[in-house]
Amino acid sequence: MHTLDPNELAQWLDTGHTSLIATEEVPCLLDVREAWEIEQAHIPGSLSLTLSTLANNLDTLHIHANKDTPIVCICHHGVRSAHAAHFLKSQGFAHVFNLRGGIHAWAQEVDPSMRTY
């Protein structure tokens, strides 16, 4: 699992490529927070699967990403998403990233208009 800082993710989303892996594929943004948290703030286009249900919903993830699709795991501060990223790596997903600092860091570093909680 690799860690991605908010500015690296923003650049990847803006340009369609990253220096972290050889791909021009836009990553699947996997938000593992609870529904009430996502209502507070989220990155548009994110797939929402709570950490507690991730193992039982891999089929839903497979609709949005195959094992070679880059996946960026997101939570509030980066702890739950790190657990999700480790789990996905153990399931054979090749390019898994954890968003350092989570949605809170994204709001502070990339989108200051985003609500924090």
PDB file of N, CA and C in Angstrom:
ATOM      1  N   MET A   1       0.840  -1.178   0.000  1.00  0.00           N
ATOM      2  CA  MET A   1       0.000   0.000   0.000  1.00  0.00           C
ATOM      3  C   MET A   1       0.879   1.233   0.000  1.00  0.00           C
ATOM      4  N   HIS A   2       0.475   2.220  -0.762  1.00  0.00           N
ATOM      5  CA  HIS A   2       1.187   3.483  -0.849  1.00  0.00           C
ATOM      6  C   HIS A   2       0.343   4.587  -0.224  1.00  0.00           C
ATOM      7  N   THR A   3       1.015   5.588   0.281  1.00  0.00           N
ATOM      8  CA  THR A   3       0.321   6.762   0.814  1.00  0.00           C
ATOM      9  C   THR A   3       0.375   7.861  -0.233  1.00  0.00           C
ATOM     10  N   LEU A   4      -0.724   8.563  -0.356  1.00  0.00           N
ATOM     11  CA  LEU A   4      -0.867   9.625  -1.344  1.00  0.00           C
ATOM     12  C   LEU A   4      -1.270  10.878  -0.586  1.00  0.00           C
ATOM     13  N   ASP A   5      -0.596  11.988  -0.808  1.00  0.00           N
ATOM     14  CA  ASP A   5      -1.034  13.194  -0.107  1.00  0.00           C
ATOM     15  C   ASP A   5      -2.127  13.887  -0.927  1.00  0.00           C
ATOM     16  N   PRO A   6      -2.905  14.742  -0.303  1.00  0.00           N
ATOM     17  CA  PRO A   6      -4.041  15.357  -1.001  1.00  0.00           C
ATOM     18  C   PRO A   6      -3.663  16.093  -2.286  1.00  0.00           C
ATOM     19  N   ASN A   7      -2.536  16.788  -2.297  1.00  0.00           N
ATOM     20  CA  ASN A   7      -2.138  17.499  -3.507  1.00  0.00           C
ATOM     21  C   ASN A   7      -1.753  16.544  -4.634  1.00  0.00           C
ATOM     22  N   GLU A   8      -1.152  15.411  -4.295  1.00  0.00           N
ATOM     23  CA  GLU A   8      -0.838  14.411  -5.319  1.00  0.00           C
ATOM     24  C   GLU A   8      -2.121  13.861  -5.928  1.00  0.00           C
ATOM     25  N   LEU A   9      -3.127  13.600  -5.082  1.00  0.00           N
ATOM     26  CA  LEU A   9      -4.405  13.107  -5.597  1.00  0.00           C
ATOM     27  C   LEU A   9      -5.079  14.171  -6.458  1.00  0.00           C
ATOM     28  N   ALA A  10      -5.070  15.412  -6.020  1.00  0.00           N
ATOM     29  CA  ALA A  10      -5.687  16.489  -6.800  1.00  0.00           C
ATOM     30  C   ALA A  10      -5.034  16.603  -8.174  1.00  0.00           C
ATOM     31  N   GLN A  11      -3.713  16.505  -8.218  1.00  0.00           N
ATOM     32  CA  GLN A  11      -3.008  16.571  -9.492  1.00  0.00           C
ATOM     33  C   GLN A  11      -3.390  15.390 -10.375  1.00  0.00           C
ATOM     34  N   TRP A  12      -3.467  14.201  -9.778  1.00  0.00           N
ATOM     35  CA  TRP A  12      -3.854  13.002 -10.525  1.00  0.00           C
ATOM     36  C   TRP A  12      -5.252  13.166 -11.117  1.00  0.00           C
ATOM     37  N   LEU A  13      -6.181  13.658 -10.323  1.00  0.00           N
ATOM     38  CA  LEU A  13      -7.546  13.849 -10.804  1.00  0.00           C
ATOM     39  C   LEU A  13      -7.619  14.933 -11.877  1.00  0.00           C
ATOM     40  N   ASP A  14      -6.795  15.983 -11.740  1.00  0.00           N
ATOM     41  CA  ASP A  14      -6.803  17.080 -12.711  1.00  0.00           C
ATOM     42  C   ASP A  14      -6.154  16.698 -14.036  1.00  0.00           C
ATOM     43  N   THR A  15      -5.041  15.967 -13.977  1.00  0.00           N
ATOM     44  CA  THR A  15      -4.273  15.695 -15.184  1.00  0.00           C
ATOM     45  C   THR A  15      -4.507  14.308 -15.766  1.00  0.00           C
ATOM     46  N   GLY A  16      -5.030  13.393 -14.960  1.00  0.00           N
ATOM     47  CA  GLY A  16      -5.268  12.030 -15.430  1.00  0.00           C
ATOM     48  C   GLY A  16      -4.056  11.129 -15.344  1.00  0.00           C
ATOM     49  N   HIS A  17      -2.967  11.606 -14.738  1.00  0.00           N
ATOM     50  CA  HIS A  17      -1.804  10.734 -14.562  1.00  0.00           C
ATOM     51  C   HIS A  17      -1.071  11.103 -13.280  1.00  0.00           C
ATOM     52  N   THR A  18      -0.220  10.179 -12.843  1.00  0.00           N
ATOM     53  CA  THR A  18       0.569  10.373 -11.635  1.00  0.00           C
ATOM     54  C   THR A  18       1.945   9.771 -11.846  1.00  0.00           C
ATOM     55  N   SER A  19       2.908  10.293 -11.140  1.00  0.00           N
ATOM     56  CA  SER A  19       4.257   9.723 -11.218  1.00  0.00           C
ATOM     57  C   SER A  19       4.405   8.522 -10.287  1.00  0.00           C
ATOM     58  N   LEU A  20       3.375   8.219  -9.509  1.00  0.00           N
ATOM     59  CA  LEU A  20       3.451   7.142  -8.527  1.00  0.00           C
ATOM     60  C   LEU A  20       3.355   5.755  -9.149  1.00  0.00           C
ATOM     61  N   ILE A  21       2.602   5.637 -10.223  1.00  0.00           N
ATOM     62  CA  ILE A  21       2.523   4.379 -10.974  1.00  0.00           C
ATOM     63  C   ILE A  21       2.412   4.729 -12.449  1.00  0.00           C
ATOM     64  N   ALA A  22       2.767   3.798 -13.286  1.00  0.00           N
ATOM     65  CA  ALA A  22       2.710   4.024 -14.733  1.00  0.00           C
ATOM     66  C   ALA A  22       1.292   3.770 -15.217  1.00  0.00           C
ATOM     67  N   THR A  23       0.470   4.789 -15.138  1.00  0.00           N
ATOM     68  CA  THR A  23      -0.910   4.669 -15.610  1.00  0.00           C
ATOM     69  C   THR A  23      -1.449   6.046 -15.957  1.00  0.00           C
ATOM     70  N   GLU A  24      -2.378   6.076 -16.850  1.00  0.00           N
ATOM     71  CA  GLU A  24      -3.115   7.302 -17.125  1.00  0.00           C
ATOM     72  C   GLU A  24      -4.573   7.100 -16.747  1.00  0.00           C
ATOM     73  N   GLU A  25      -4.825   6.042 -15.999  1.00  0.00           N
ATOM     74  CA  GLU A  25      -6.181   5.723 -15.571  1.00  0.00           C
ATOM     75  C   GLU A  25      -6.545   6.553 -14.344  1.00  0.00           C
ATOM     76  N   VAL A  26      -7.719   7.118 -14.357  1.00  0.00           N
ATOM     77  CA  VAL A  26      -8.209   7.863 -13.208  1.00  0.00           C
ATOM     78  C   VAL A  26      -8.508   6.860 -12.098  1.00  0.00           C
ATOM     79  N   PRO A  27      -8.096   7.145 -10.878  1.00  0.00           N
ATOM     80  CA  PRO A  27      -8.313   6.165  -9.804  1.00  0.00           C
ATOM     81  C   PRO A  27      -9.772   6.084  -9.373  1.00  0.00           C
ATOM     82  N   CYS A  28     -10.113   4.934  -8.837  1.00  0.00           N
ATOM     83  CA  CYS A  28     -11.394   4.762  -8.155  1.00  0.00           C
ATOM     84  C   CYS A  28     -11.206   5.322  -6.745  1.00  0.00           C
ATOM     85  N   LEU A  29     -12.034   6.272  -6.362  1.00  0.00           N
ATOM     86  CA  LEU A  29     -11.981   6.853  -5.020  1.00  0.00           C
ATOM     87  C   LEU A  29     -12.944   6.077  -4.141  1.00  0.00           C
ATOM     88  N   LEU A  30     -12.405   5.360  -3.170  1.00  0.00           N
ATOM     89  CA  LEU A  30     -13.210   4.520  -2.287  1.00  0.00           C
ATOM     90  C   LEU A  30     -13.282   5.169  -0.914  1.00  0.00           C
ATOM     91  N   ASP A  31     -14.438   5.709  -0.583  1.00  0.00           N
ATOM     92  CA  ASP A  31     -14.653   6.373   0.702  1.00  0.00           C
ATOM     93  C   ASP A  31     -15.247   5.363   1.664  1.00  0.00           C
ATOM     94  N   VAL A  32     -14.522   5.057   2.748  1.00  0.00           N
ATOM     95  CA  VAL A  32     -14.951   4.011   3.678  1.00  0.00           C
ATOM     96  C   VAL A  32     -15.581   4.573   4.953  1.00  0.00           C
ATOM     97  N   ARG A  33     -15.975   5.843   4.914  1.00  0.00           N
ATOM     98  CA  ARG A  33     -16.619   6.452   6.077  1.00  0.00           C
ATOM     99  C   ARG A  33     -18.096   6.084   6.143  1.00  0.00           C
ATOM    100  N   GLU A  34     -18.705   6.431   7.255  1.00  0.00           N
ATOM    101  CA  GLU A  34     -20.140   6.190   7.463  1.00  0.00           C
ATOM    102  C   GLU A  34     -20.956   7.207   6.652  1.00  0.00           C
ATOM    103  N   ALA A  35     -22.211   6.873   6.385  1.00  0.00           N
ATOM    104  CA  ALA A  35     -23.076   7.722   5.558  1.00  0.00           C
ATOM    105  C   ALA A  35     -23.192   9.139   6.118  1.00  0.00           C
ATOM    106  N   TRP A  36     -23.320   9.274   7.440  1.00  0.00           N
ATOM    107  CA  TRP A  36     -23.467  10.614   8.017  1.00  0.00           C
ATOM    108  C   TRP A  36     -22.214  11.458   7.786  1.00  0.00           C
ATOM    109  N   GLU A  37     -21.053  10.808   7.715  1.00  0.00           N
ATOM    110  CA  GLU A  37     -19.806  11.541   7.470  1.00  0.00           C
ATOM    111  C   GLU A  37     -19.734  12.014   6.016  1.00  0.00           C
ATOM    112  N   ILE A  38     -20.180  11.172   5.120  1.00  0.00           N
ATOM    113  CA  ILE A  38     -20.161  11.513   3.703  1.00  0.00           C
ATOM    114  C   ILE A  38     -21.124  12.657   3.425  1.00  0.00           C
ATOM    115  N   GLU A  39     -22.216  12.713   4.177  1.00  0.00           N
ATOM    116  CA  GLU A  39     -23.139  13.843   4.044  1.00  0.00           C
ATOM    117  C   GLU A  39     -22.475  15.154   4.432  1.00  0.00           C
ATOM    118  N   GLN A  40     -21.517  15.091   5.351  1.00  0.00           N
ATOM    119  CA  GLN A  40     -20.804  16.297   5.790  1.00  0.00           C
ATOM    120  C   GLN A  40     -19.871  16.816   4.696  1.00  0.00           C
ATOM    121  N   ALA A  41     -19.129  15.910   4.076  1.00  0.00           N
ATOM    122  CA  ALA A  41     -18.146  16.285   3.062  1.00  0.00           C
ATOM    123  C   ALA A  41     -17.708  15.043   2.298  1.00  0.00           C
ATOM    124  N   HIS A  42     -17.486  15.207   1.002  1.00  0.00           N
ATOM    125  CA  HIS A  42     -16.967  14.102   0.195  1.00  0.00           C
ATOM    126  C   HIS A  42     -16.355  14.651  -1.092  1.00  0.00           C
ATOM    127  N   ILE A  43     -15.525  13.852  -1.704  1.00  0.00           N
ATOM    128  CA  ILE A  43     -14.963  14.196  -2.998  1.00  0.00           C
ATOM    129  C   ILE A  43     -15.930  13.666  -4.050  1.00  0.00           C
ATOM    130  N   PRO A  44     -16.441  14.522  -4.925  1.00  0.00           N
ATOM    131  CA  PRO A  44     -17.398  14.067  -5.932  1.00  0.00           C
ATOM    132  C   PRO A  44     -16.860  12.882  -6.736  1.00  0.00           C
ATOM    133  N   GLY A  45     -17.747  11.946  -6.994  1.00  0.00           N
ATOM    134  CA  GLY A  45     -17.389  10.762  -7.763  1.00  0.00           C
ATOM    135  C   GLY A  45     -16.884   9.603  -6.930  1.00  0.00           C
ATOM    136  N   SER A  46     -16.779   9.800  -5.619  1.00  0.00           N
ATOM    137  CA  SER A  46     -16.303   8.733  -4.739  1.00  0.00           C
ATOM    138  C   SER A  46     -17.338   7.633  -4.607  1.00  0.00           C
ATOM    139  N   LEU A  47     -16.856   6.418  -4.511  1.00  0.00           N
ATOM    140  CA  LEU A  47     -17.697   5.260  -4.214  1.00  0.00           C
ATOM    141  C   LEU A  47     -17.729   5.104  -2.703  1.00  0.00           C
ATOM    142  N   SER A  48     -18.902   4.968  -2.137  1.00  0.00           N
ATOM    143  CA  SER A  48     -19.045   4.843  -0.686  1.00  0.00           C
ATOM    144  C   SER A  48     -19.324   3.393  -0.298  1.00  0.00           C
ATOM    145  N   LEU A  49     -18.369   2.797   0.423  1.00  0.00           N
ATOM    146  CA  LEU A  49     -18.532   1.474   1.031  1.00  0.00           C
ATOM    147  C   LEU A  49     -17.900   1.561   2.411  1.00  0.00           C
ATOM    148  N   THR A  50     -18.700   1.475   3.453  1.00  0.00           N
ATOM    149  CA  THR A  50     -18.129   1.611   4.786  1.00  0.00           C
ATOM    150  C   THR A  50     -17.109   0.512   5.055  1.00  0.00           C
ATOM    151  N   LEU A  51     -16.140   0.836   5.899  1.00  0.00           N
ATOM    152  CA  LEU A  51     -15.108  -0.143   6.228  1.00  0.00           C
ATOM    153  C   LEU A  51     -15.727  -1.413   6.787  1.00  0.00           C
ATOM    154  N   SER A  52     -16.762  -1.273   7.609  1.00  0.00           N
ATOM    155  CA  SER A  52     -17.371  -2.449   8.239  1.00  0.00           C
ATOM    156  C   SER A  52     -18.078  -3.361   7.241  1.00  0.00           C
ATOM    157  N   THR A  53     -18.419  -2.846   6.063  1.00  0.00           N
ATOM    158  CA  THR A  53     -19.111  -3.666   5.064  1.00  0.00           C
ATOM    159  C   THR A  53     -18.253  -3.982   3.843  1.00  0.00           C
ATOM    160  N   LEU A  54     -17.026  -3.493   3.818  1.00  0.00           N
ATOM    161  CA  LEU A  54     -16.185  -3.649   2.639  1.00  0.00           C
ATOM    162  C   LEU A  54     -15.987  -5.109   2.246  1.00  0.00           C
ATOM    163  N   ALA A  55     -15.659  -5.959   3.197  1.00  0.00           N
ATOM    164  CA  ALA A  55     -15.392  -7.370   2.897  1.00  0.00           C
ATOM    165  C   ALA A  55     -16.601  -8.052   2.251  1.00  0.00           C
ATOM    166  N   ASN A  56     -17.795  -7.660   2.658  1.00  0.00           N
ATOM    167  CA  ASN A  56     -19.015  -8.269   2.119  1.00  0.00           C
ATOM    168  C   ASN A  56     -19.491  -7.609   0.834  1.00  0.00           C
ATOM    169  N   ASN A  57     -18.831  -6.530   0.419  1.00  0.00           N
ATOM    170  CA  ASN A  57     -19.273  -5.794  -0.766  1.00  0.00           C
ATOM    171  C   ASN A  57     -18.198  -5.670  -1.840  1.00  0.00           C
ATOM    172  N   LEU A  58     -17.299  -6.640  -1.887  1.00  0.00           N
ATOM    173  CA  LEU A  58     -16.272  -6.593  -2.928  1.00  0.00           C
ATOM    174  C   LEU A  58     -16.873  -6.667  -4.325  1.00  0.00           C
ATOM    175  N   ASP A  59     -18.033  -7.313  -4.456  1.00  0.00           N
ATOM    176  CA  ASP A  59     -18.688  -7.368  -5.760  1.00  0.00           C
ATOM    177  C   ASP A  59     -19.088  -5.971  -6.227  1.00  0.00           C
ATOM    178  N   THR A  60     -19.516  -5.122  -5.308  1.00  0.00           N
ATOM    179  CA  THR A  60     -19.850  -3.736  -5.655  1.00  0.00           C
ATOM    180  C   THR A  60     -18.594  -2.991  -6.092  1.00  0.00           C
ATOM    181  N   LEU A  61     -17.502  -3.200  -5.380  1.00  0.00           N
ATOM    182  CA  LEU A  61     -16.242  -2.566  -5.765  1.00  0.00           C
ATOM    183  C   LEU A  61     -15.808  -3.026  -7.148  1.00  0.00           C
ATOM    184  N   HIS A  62     -15.994  -4.313  -7.452  1.00  0.00           N
ATOM    185  CA  HIS A  62     -15.590  -4.846  -8.749  1.00  0.00           C
ATOM    186  C   HIS A  62     -16.369  -4.223  -9.906  1.00  0.00           C
ATOM    187  N   ILE A  63     -17.539  -3.675  -9.654  1.00  0.00           N
ATOM    188  CA  ILE A  63     -18.290  -2.969 -10.695  1.00  0.00           C
ATOM    189  C   ILE A  63     -17.542  -1.709 -11.106  1.00  0.00           C
ATOM    190  N   HIS A  64     -16.848  -1.089 -10.146  1.00  0.00           N
ATOM    191  CA  HIS A  64     -16.160   0.181 -10.374  1.00  0.00           C
ATOM    192  C   HIS A  64     -14.662   0.031 -10.621  1.00  0.00           C
ATOM    193  N   ALA A  65     -14.087  -1.081 -10.190  1.00  0.00           N
ATOM    194  CA  ALA A  65     -12.635  -1.258 -10.291  1.00  0.00           C
ATOM    195  C   ALA A  65     -12.295  -2.733 -10.396  1.00  0.00           C
ATOM    196  N   ASN A  66     -11.344  -3.037 -11.287  1.00  0.00           N
ATOM    197  CA  ASN A  66     -10.837  -4.406 -11.314  1.00  0.00           C
ATOM    198  C   ASN A  66      -9.554  -4.445 -10.485  1.00  0.00           C
ATOM    199  N   LYS A  67      -8.905  -5.578 -10.442  1.00  0.00           N
ATOM    200  CA  LYS A  67      -7.730  -5.729  -9.567  1.00  0.00           C
ATOM    201  C   LYS A  67      -6.535  -4.898 -10.017  1.00  0.00           C
ATOM    202  N   ASP A  68      -6.560  -4.370 -11.246  1.00  0.00           N
ATOM    203  CA  ASP A  68      -5.471  -3.523 -11.735  1.00  0.00           C
ATOM    204  C   ASP A  68      -5.806  -2.035 -11.727  1.00  0.00           C
ATOM    205  N   THR A  69      -7.049  -1.699 -11.429  1.00  0.00           N
ATOM    206  CA  THR A  69      -7.448  -0.304 -11.357  1.00  0.00           C
ATOM    207  C   THR A  69      -6.838   0.336 -10.113  1.00  0.00           C
ATOM    208  N   PRO A  70      -6.260   1.522 -10.244  1.00  0.00           N
ATOM    209  CA  PRO A  70      -5.783   2.195  -9.040  1.00  0.00           C
ATOM    210  C   PRO A  70      -6.964   2.589  -8.147  1.00  0.00           C
ATOM    211  N   ILE A  71      -6.823   2.332  -6.862  1.00  0.00           N
ATOM    212  CA  ILE A  71      -7.865   2.643  -5.878  1.00  0.00           C
ATOM    213  C   ILE A  71      -7.258   3.520  -4.800  1.00  0.00           C
ATOM    214  N   VAL A  72      -7.915   4.637  -4.511  1.00  0.00           N
ATOM    215  CA  VAL A  72      -7.493   5.514  -3.426  1.00  0.00           C
ATOM    216  C   VAL A  72      -8.538   5.408  -2.322  1.00  0.00           C
ATOM    217  N   CYS A  73      -8.117   4.920  -1.166  1.00  0.00           N
ATOM    218  CA  CYS A  73      -9.004   4.762  -0.019  1.00  0.00           C
ATOM    219  C   CYS A  73      -9.011   6.054   0.789  1.00  0.00           C
ATOM    220  N   ILE A  74     -10.217   6.457   1.204  1.00  0.00           N
ATOM    221  CA  ILE A  74     -10.418   7.730   1.888  1.00  0.00           C
ATOM    222  C   ILE A  74     -11.261   7.523   3.138  1.00  0.00           C
ATOM    223  N   CYS A  75     -10.878   8.168   4.217  1.00  0.00           N
ATOM    224  CA  CYS A  75     -11.724   8.237   5.410  1.00  0.00           C
ATOM    225  C   CYS A  75     -11.576   9.638   6.012  1.00  0.00           C
ATOM    226  N   HIS A  76     -11.849   9.783   7.295  1.00  0.00           N
ATOM    227  CA  HIS A  76     -11.790  11.103   7.916  1.00  0.00           C
ATOM    228  C   HIS A  76     -10.356  11.592   8.087  1.00  0.00           C
ATOM    229  N   HIS A  77      -9.501  10.790   8.718  1.00  0.00           N
ATOM    230  CA  HIS A  77      -8.123  11.199   8.972  1.00  0.00           C
ATOM    231  C   HIS A  77      -7.082  10.233   8.413  1.00  0.00           C
ATOM    232  N   GLY A  78      -7.487   9.117   7.840  1.00  0.00           N
ATOM    233  CA  GLY A  78      -6.547   8.191   7.211  1.00  0.00           C
ATOM    234  C   GLY A  78      -6.341   6.871   7.913  1.00  0.00           C
ATOM    235  N   VAL A  79      -6.982   6.652   9.047  1.00  0.00           N
ATOM    236  CA  VAL A  79      -6.783   5.396   9.778  1.00  0.00           C
ATOM    237  C   VAL A  79      -7.644   4.278   9.202  1.00  0.00           C
ATOM    238  N   ARG A  80      -8.948   4.509   9.086  1.00  0.00           N
ATOM    239  CA  ARG A  80      -9.831   3.472   8.526  1.00  0.00           C
ATOM    240  C   ARG A  80      -9.462   3.167   7.083  1.00  0.00           C
ATOM    241  N   SER A  81      -9.094   4.191   6.339  1.00  0.00           N
ATOM    242  CA  SER A  81      -8.728   3.963   4.940  1.00  0.00           C
ATOM    243  C   SER A  81      -7.436   3.156   4.836  1.00  0.00           C
ATOM    244  N   ALA A  82      -6.526   3.307   5.792  1.00  0.00           N
ATOM    245  CA  ALA A  82      -5.316   2.468   5.804  1.00  0.00           C
ATOM    246  C   ALA A  82      -5.691   1.007   6.010  1.00  0.00           C
ATOM    247  N   HIS A  83      -6.646   0.753   6.910  1.00  0.00           N
ATOM    248  CA  HIS A  83      -7.122  -0.620   7.112  1.00  0.00           C
ATOM    249  C   HIS A  83      -7.761  -1.159   5.828  1.00  0.00           C
ATOM    250  N   ALA A  84      -8.569  -0.329   5.165  1.00  0.00           N
ATOM    251  CA  ALA A  84      -9.212  -0.746   3.918  1.00  0.00           C
ATOM    252  C   ALA A  84      -8.164  -1.043   2.851  1.00  0.00           C
ATOM    253  N   ALA A  85      -7.158  -0.201   2.756  1.00  0.00           N
ATOM    254  CA  ALA A  85      -6.109  -0.393   1.746  1.00  0.00           C
ATOM    255  C   ALA A  85      -5.347  -1.689   1.993  1.00  0.00           C
ATOM    256  N   HIS A  86      -5.007  -1.958   3.235  1.00  0.00           N
ATOM    257  CA  HIS A  86      -4.318  -3.218   3.551  1.00  0.00           C
ATOM    258  C   HIS A  86      -5.194  -4.415   3.193  1.00  0.00           C
ATOM    259  N   PHE A  87      -6.489  -4.321   3.502  1.00  0.00           N
ATOM    260  CA  PHE A  87      -7.410  -5.406   3.166  1.00  0.00           C
ATOM    261  C   PHE A  87      -7.459  -5.625   1.656  1.00  0.00           C
ATOM    262  N   LEU A  88      -7.583  -4.545   0.899  1.00  0.00           N
ATOM    263  CA  LEU A  88      -7.667  -4.678  -0.559  1.00  0.00           C
ATOM    264  C   LEU A  88      -6.388  -5.273  -1.141  1.00  0.00           C
ATOM    265  N   LYS A  89      -5.241  -4.873  -0.608  1.00  0.00           N
ATOM    266  CA  LYS A  89      -3.974  -5.482  -1.056  1.00  0.00           C
ATOM    267  C   LYS A  89      -3.992  -6.981  -0.784  1.00  0.00           C
ATOM    268  N   SER A  90      -4.511  -7.384   0.370  1.00  0.00           N
ATOM    269  CA  SER A  90      -4.565  -8.816   0.704  1.00  0.00           C
ATOM    270  C   SER A  90      -5.527  -9.573  -0.205  1.00  0.00           C
ATOM    271  N   GLN A  91      -6.437  -8.849  -0.847  1.00  0.00           N
ATOM    272  CA  GLN A  91      -7.397  -9.462  -1.761  1.00  0.00           C
ATOM    273  C   GLN A  91      -6.910  -9.441  -3.205  1.00  0.00           C
ATOM    274  N   GLY A  92      -5.682  -8.983  -3.411  1.00  0.00           N
ATOM    275  CA  GLY A  92      -5.094  -9.033  -4.741  1.00  0.00           C
ATOM    276  C   GLY A  92      -5.203  -7.769  -5.567  1.00  0.00           C
ATOM    277  N   PHE A  93      -5.713  -6.683  -5.008  1.00  0.00           N
ATOM    278  CA  PHE A  93      -5.753  -5.424  -5.744  1.00  0.00           C
ATOM    279  C   PHE A  93      -4.324  -4.886  -5.829  1.00  0.00           C
ATOM    280  N   ALA A  94      -3.890  -4.537  -7.027  1.00  0.00           N
ATOM    281  CA  ALA A  94      -2.475  -4.241  -7.266  1.00  0.00           C
ATOM    282  C   ALA A  94      -2.059  -2.822  -6.904  1.00  0.00           C
ATOM    283  N   HIS A  95      -2.913  -1.850  -7.135  1.00  0.00           N
ATOM    284  CA  HIS A  95      -2.526  -0.442  -6.984  1.00  0.00           C
ATOM    285  C   HIS A  95      -3.461   0.254  -5.993  1.00  0.00           C
ATOM    286  N   VAL A  96      -3.135   0.108  -4.722  1.00  0.00           N
ATOM    287  CA  VAL A  96      -3.988   0.647  -3.659  1.00  0.00           C
ATOM    288  C   VAL A  96      -3.224   1.753  -2.934  1.00  0.00           C
ATOM    289  N   PHE A  97      -3.905   2.863  -2.724  1.00  0.00           N
ATOM    290  CA  PHE A  97      -3.318   4.023  -2.075  1.00  0.00           C
ATOM    291  C   PHE A  97      -4.198   4.450  -0.900  1.00  0.00           C
ATOM    292  N   ASN A  98      -3.578   4.982   0.123  1.00  0.00           N
ATOM    293  CA  ASN A  98      -4.294   5.564   1.248  1.00  0.00           C
ATOM    294  C   ASN A  98      -4.108   7.072   1.182  1.00  0.00           C
ATOM    295  N   LEU A  99      -5.197   7.824   1.274  1.00  0.00           N
ATOM    296  CA  LEU A  99      -5.112   9.286   1.267  1.00  0.00           C
ATOM    297  C   LEU A  99      -4.643   9.760   2.636  1.00  0.00           C
ATOM    298  N   ARG A 100      -3.418  10.271   2.698  1.00  0.00           N
ATOM    299  CA  ARG A 100      -2.843  10.751   3.945  1.00  0.00           C
ATOM    300  C   ARG A 100      -3.688  11.897   4.501  1.00  0.00           C
ATOM    301  N   GLY A 101      -4.081  11.743   5.750  1.00  0.00           N
ATOM    302  CA  GLY A 101      -4.867  12.788   6.404  1.00  0.00           C
ATOM    303  C   GLY A 101      -6.339  12.783   6.072  1.00  0.00           C
ATOM    304  N   GLY A 102      -6.747  11.921   5.150  1.00  0.00           N
ATOM    305  CA  GLY A 102      -8.151  11.753   4.821  1.00  0.00           C
ATOM    306  C   GLY A 102      -8.828  12.989   4.260  1.00  0.00           C
ATOM    307  N   ILE A 103     -10.147  12.987   4.377  1.00  0.00           N
ATOM    308  CA  ILE A 103     -10.959  14.081   3.832  1.00  0.00           C
ATOM    309  C   ILE A 103     -10.662  15.387   4.572  1.00  0.00           C
ATOM    310  N   HIS A 104     -10.236  15.273   5.819  1.00  0.00           N
ATOM    311  CA  HIS A 104      -9.889  16.480   6.585  1.00  0.00           C
ATOM    312  C   HIS A 104      -8.692  17.189   5.948  1.00  0.00           C
ATOM    313  N   ALA A 105      -7.650  16.436   5.604  1.00  0.00           N
ATOM    314  CA  ALA A 105      -6.478  17.024   4.949  1.00  0.00           C
ATOM    315  C   ALA A 105      -6.839  17.543   3.561  1.00  0.00           C
ATOM    316  N   TRP A 106      -7.713  16.822   2.844  1.00  0.00           N
ATOM    317  CA  TRP A 106      -8.165  17.281   1.525  1.00  0.00           C
ATOM    318  C   TRP A 106      -8.806  18.659   1.656  1.00  0.00           C
ATOM    319  N   ALA A 107      -9.681  18.819   2.645  1.00  0.00           N
ATOM    320  CA  ALA A 107     -10.353  20.104   2.855  1.00  0.00           C
ATOM    321  C   ALA A 107      -9.351  21.208   3.199  1.00  0.00           C
ATOM    322  N   GLN A 108      -8.362  20.888   3.984  1.00  0.00           N
ATOM    323  CA  GLN A 108      -7.375  21.895   4.381  1.00  0.00           C
ATOM    324  C   GLN A 108      -6.407  22.251   3.257  1.00  0.00           C
ATOM    325  N   GLU A 109      -5.988  21.253   2.478  1.00  0.00           N
ATOM    326  CA  GLU A 109      -4.920  21.471   1.509  1.00  0.00           C
ATOM    327  C   GLU A 109      -5.394  21.697   0.072  1.00  0.00           C
ATOM    328  N   VAL A 110      -6.560  21.161  -0.279  1.00  0.00           N
ATOM    329  CA  VAL A 110      -7.004  21.221  -1.668  1.00  0.00           C
ATOM    330  C   VAL A 110      -8.282  22.036  -1.829  1.00  0.00           C
ATOM    331  N   ASP A 111      -9.261  21.805  -0.974  1.00  0.00           N
ATOM    332  CA  ASP A 111     -10.571  22.443  -1.125  1.00  0.00           C
ATOM    333  C   ASP A 111     -11.005  23.103   0.177  1.00  0.00           C
ATOM    334  N   PRO A 112     -10.505  24.310   0.453  1.00  0.00           N
ATOM    335  CA  PRO A 112     -10.846  24.978   1.711  1.00  0.00           C
ATOM    336  C   PRO A 112     -12.329  25.340   1.845  1.00  0.00           C
ATOM    337  N   SER A 113     -13.084  25.244   0.742  1.00  0.00           N
ATOM    338  CA  SER A 113     -14.520  25.504   0.836  1.00  0.00           C
ATOM    339  C   SER A 113     -15.276  24.291   1.385  1.00  0.00           C
ATOM    340  N   MET A 114     -14.595  23.145   1.443  1.00  0.00           N
ATOM    341  CA  MET A 114     -15.228  21.918   1.922  1.00  0.00           C
ATOM    342  C   MET A 114     -15.428  21.999   3.433  1.00  0.00           C
ATOM    343  N   ARG A 115     -16.566  21.557   3.862  1.00  0.00           N
ATOM    344  CA  ARG A 115     -16.896  21.535   5.278  1.00  0.00           C
ATOM    345  C   ARG A 115     -16.019  20.512   6.007  1.00  0.00           C
ATOM    346  N   THR A 116     -15.536  20.869   7.196  1.00  0.00           N
ATOM    347  CA  THR A 116     -14.806  19.911   8.015  1.00  0.00           C
ATOM    348  C   THR A 116     -15.645  19.577   9.235  1.00  0.00           C
ATOM    349  N   TYR A 117     -15.346  18.471   9.838  1.00  0.00           N
ATOM    350  CA  TYR A 117     -16.096  18.032  11.021  1.00  0.00           C
ATOM    351  C   TYR A 117     -15.178  17.350  11.983  1.00  0.00           C
TER     352      TYR A 117
END
